[in-house]
């Protein structure tokens, strides 16, 4: 039996700061996710650089 229900998955997504769109076939858009993470990392690095 599956331990995760659809409502649990929705709660998990809702708990993230930014919602990740999960299509009905449950395949995440990995390239888009990686791009957004890279973008956030670049912004974070710029902020850290400014603090020094």
Protein backbone atom coordinates (compact mmCIF):
# COMPACT_ATOMS: atom_id res chain seq x y z
CA UNK A 1 0.00 0.00 0.00
CA UNK A 2 1.14 3.53 -0.72
CA UNK A 3 2.10 5.46 2.39
CA UNK A 4 1.82 8.94 0.86
CA UNK A 5 -1.61 10.20 -0.07
CA UNK A 6 -2.37 13.06 -2.42
CA UNK A 7 -3.28 15.29 0.51
CA UNK A 8 0.08 14.58 2.16
CA UNK A 9 1.87 15.48 -1.07
CA UNK A 10 -0.10 18.74 -1.25
CA UNK A 11 0.85 19.51 2.34
CA UNK A 12 4.51 18.84 1.59
CA UNK A 13 4.41 21.21 -1.38
CA UNK A 14 2.53 23.80 0.68
CA UNK A 15 5.19 23.64 3.39
CA UNK A 16 7.86 24.77 0.93
CA UNK A 17 8.46 28.51 0.74
CA UNK A 18 7.74 28.48 -2.97
CA UNK A 19 5.26 26.01 -4.42
CA UNK A 20 6.65 23.53 -6.91
CA UNK A 21 4.17 22.67 -9.63
CA UNK A 22 3.76 18.90 -9.70
CA UNK A 23 1.86 17.72 -12.78
CA UNK A 24 -0.74 14.97 -12.47
CA UNK A 25 1.81 12.41 -13.66
CA UNK A 26 4.03 13.40 -10.69
CA UNK A 27 7.02 14.22 -12.89
CA UNK A 28 8.81 17.31 -11.65
CA UNK A 29 10.25 19.73 -14.17
CA UNK A 30 13.84 19.06 -13.09
CA UNK A 31 15.60 21.50 -15.47
CA UNK A 32 13.33 24.32 -14.31
CA UNK A 33 13.93 23.39 -10.66
CA UNK A 34 17.70 23.29 -11.19
CA UNK A 35 17.60 26.64 -12.94
CA UNK A 36 15.66 28.25 -10.10
CA UNK A 37 18.04 26.78 -7.51
CA UNK A 38 21.06 28.04 -9.45
CA UNK A 39 19.46 31.48 -9.70
CA UNK A 40 18.83 31.56 -5.92
CA UNK A 41 22.41 30.44 -5.25
CA UNK A 42 23.79 33.23 -7.46
CA UNK A 43 21.63 35.80 -5.64
CA UNK A 44 22.77 34.41 -2.27
CA UNK A 45 26.42 34.59 -3.33
CA UNK A 46 25.98 38.20 -4.44
CA UNK A 47 24.39 39.08 -1.08
CA UNK A 48 27.23 37.37 0.82
CA UNK A 49 29.79 39.17 -1.34
CA UNK A 50 28.21 42.54 -0.51
CA UNK A 51 28.41 41.84 3.24
CA UNK A 52 32.18 41.33 3.20
